[in-house]
């Protein structure tokens, strides 16, 4: 059993900031890649950001590059999504995802998912 627990979502005014957190736990689980996806109403789930500790690089989607950053602690299986200068179009359910293998920008690249946390940005 693997659990991903997200926190930090909420309501924020446009231009504001939020920090999402995600922790992964499991008896034999070793997170090599952890990241974030989001899904807005009527839209498909899309990649936001991920960090691959095995490769040692972070990947951030163009739609949020320059505003969002990802950081974490591999030993603690912890990732943050720092969201700055939020816009109404950032409103979505944000999902934490993890993989014991190399990650990807596709949903199929991740075996474990959190329940999602709602981020709402008002104008």
Protein backbone atom coordinates (compact mmCIF):
# COMPACT_ATOMS: atom_id res chain seq x y z
CA UNK A 1 0.00 0.00 0.00
CA UNK A 2 1.18 3.46 -0.98
CA UNK A 3 -0.40 6.66 0.20
CA UNK A 4 0.03 10.13 -1.20
CA UNK A 5 -1.24 12.96 0.95
CA UNK A 6 -1.68 16.45 -0.44
CA UNK A 7 -2.24 19.68 1.40
CA UNK A 8 -2.13 23.41 0.82
CA UNK A 9 -4.97 23.96 -1.60
CA UNK A 10 -7.55 26.64 -1.12
CA UNK A 11 -9.00 29.87 -2.38
CA UNK A 12 -6.70 32.69 -3.36
CA UNK A 13 -7.06 35.96 -5.20
CA UNK A 14 -5.40 36.43 -8.57
CA UNK A 15 -1.79 37.42 -8.14
CA UNK A 16 -1.49 35.56 -4.89
CA UNK A 17 0.54 32.53 -3.97
CA UNK A 18 0.01 29.06 -2.59
CA UNK A 19 2.27 26.18 -1.70
CA UNK A 20 1.10 22.64 -2.16
CA UNK A 21 2.72 19.77 -0.31
CA UNK A 22 2.68 16.06 -0.96
CA UNK A 23 4.12 13.19 1.00
CA UNK A 24 4.38 9.58 -0.06
CA UNK A 25 4.57 6.60 2.23
CA UNK A 26 4.73 2.87 1.80
CA UNK A 27 6.54 -0.15 3.14
CA UNK A 28 8.63 -0.81 0.05
CA UNK A 29 7.93 2.27 -1.99
CA UNK A 30 10.90 4.29 -3.19
CA UNK A 31 9.90 7.44 -5.00
CA UNK A 32 12.22 8.15 -7.88
CA UNK A 33 9.88 10.65 -9.46
CA UNK A 34 7.23 12.80 -7.84
CA UNK A 35 5.17 15.45 -9.51
CA UNK A 36 1.95 17.32 -10.01
CA UNK A 37 -0.90 17.21 -12.49
CA UNK A 38 -4.02 19.33 -12.61
CA UNK A 39 -7.48 19.02 -14.06
CA UNK A 40 -9.87 21.89 -14.64
CA UNK A 41 -13.59 21.43 -15.30
CA UNK A 42 -14.16 20.23 -18.84
CA UNK A 43 -10.45 19.74 -19.43
CA UNK A 44 -8.19 16.72 -19.50
CA UNK A 45 -5.69 16.19 -16.76
CA UNK A 46 -2.46 17.94 -17.64
CA UNK A 47 1.11 17.80 -16.48
CA UNK A 48 2.31 20.63 -14.25
CA UNK A 49 5.72 19.77 -12.83
CA UNK A 50 7.84 16.88 -11.65
CA UNK A 51 11.21 16.16 -10.13
CA UNK A 52 13.29 13.12 -10.93
CA UNK A 53 15.87 12.52 -8.27
CA UNK A 54 17.56 9.73 -10.21
CA UNK A 55 18.22 12.05 -13.12
CA UNK A 56 18.58 15.09 -10.93
CA UNK A 57 16.41 17.48 -12.90
CA UNK A 58 13.09 19.21 -12.55
CA UNK A 59 10.55 19.52 -15.33
CA UNK A 60 7.96 22.29 -15.45
CA UNK A 61 5.19 22.73 -17.98
CA UNK A 62 5.38 25.75 -20.25
CA UNK A 63 1.98 26.93 -19.08
CA UNK A 64 3.29 27.60 -15.59
CA UNK A 65 6.99 28.09 -16.18
CA UNK A 66 8.28 31.19 -14.47
CA UNK A 67 5.43 31.17 -11.97
CA UNK A 68 5.54 27.67 -10.48
CA UNK A 69 8.52 25.84 -9.07
CA UNK A 70 8.90 22.36 -7.68
CA UNK A 71 11.15 21.26 -4.86
CA UNK A 72 11.36 18.37 -2.49
CA UNK A 73 13.23 15.96 -0.32
CA UNK A 74 13.85 12.54 -1.81
CA UNK A 75 14.66 10.95 1.53
CA UNK A 76 11.38 12.15 2.99
CA UNK A 77 9.40 11.45 -0.20
CA UNK A 78 8.19 15.01 -0.02
CA UNK A 79 7.47 17.46 -2.82
CA UNK A 80 6.29 21.03 -2.87
CA UNK A 81 4.67 22.99 -5.62
CA UNK A 82 5.29 26.68 -5.14
CA UNK A 83 2.69 28.64 -7.06
CA UNK A 84 3.21 32.36 -7.53
CA UNK A 85 1.30 35.01 -9.45
CA UNK A 86 -1.72 32.77 -9.66
CA UNK A 87 -4.25 33.33 -12.40
CA UNK A 88 -7.90 32.29 -12.68
CA UNK A 89 -6.91 29.78 -15.35
CA UNK A 90 -4.85 27.98 -12.73
CA UNK A 91 -8.07 26.95 -11.03
CA UNK A 92 -8.15 23.16 -10.98
CA UNK A 93 -7.88 20.09 -8.86
CA UNK A 94 -4.20 19.42 -8.34
CA UNK A 95 -3.04 15.84 -8.04
CA UNK A 96 0.18 14.57 -6.60
CA UNK A 97 1.70 11.60 -8.38
CA UNK A 98 4.64 9.31 -7.75
CA UNK A 99 6.53 6.55 -9.47
CA UNK A 100 9.10 4.01 -8.35
CA UNK A 101 10.59 4.24 -11.81
CA UNK A 102 11.46 7.10 -14.11
CA UNK A 103 8.72 9.65 -14.53
CA UNK A 104 7.10 11.20 -17.52
CA UNK A 105 4.69 13.92 -18.53
CA UNK A 106 1.98 11.36 -19.16
CA UNK A 107 -0.50 9.96 -16.68
CA UNK A 108 0.61 6.43 -17.54
CA UNK A 109 4.06 7.21 -16.22
CA UNK A 110 2.80 7.35 -12.65
CA UNK A 111 1.50 4.43 -10.65
CA UNK A 112 0.46 6.26 -7.49
CA UNK A 113 -1.88 9.19 -7.09
CA UNK A 114 -3.24 11.35 -4.34
CA UNK A 115 -6.86 12.27 -3.90
CA UNK A 116 -6.38 15.77 -5.26
CA UNK A 117 -6.60 19.19 -3.69
CA UNK A 118 -8.69 22.05 -5.00
CA UNK A 119 -7.05 25.32 -5.96
CA UNK A 120 -9.39 28.15 -6.79
CA UNK A 121 -8.14 31.50 -8.03
CA UNK A 122 -10.60 34.36 -8.05
CA UNK A 123 -10.43 37.57 -10.05
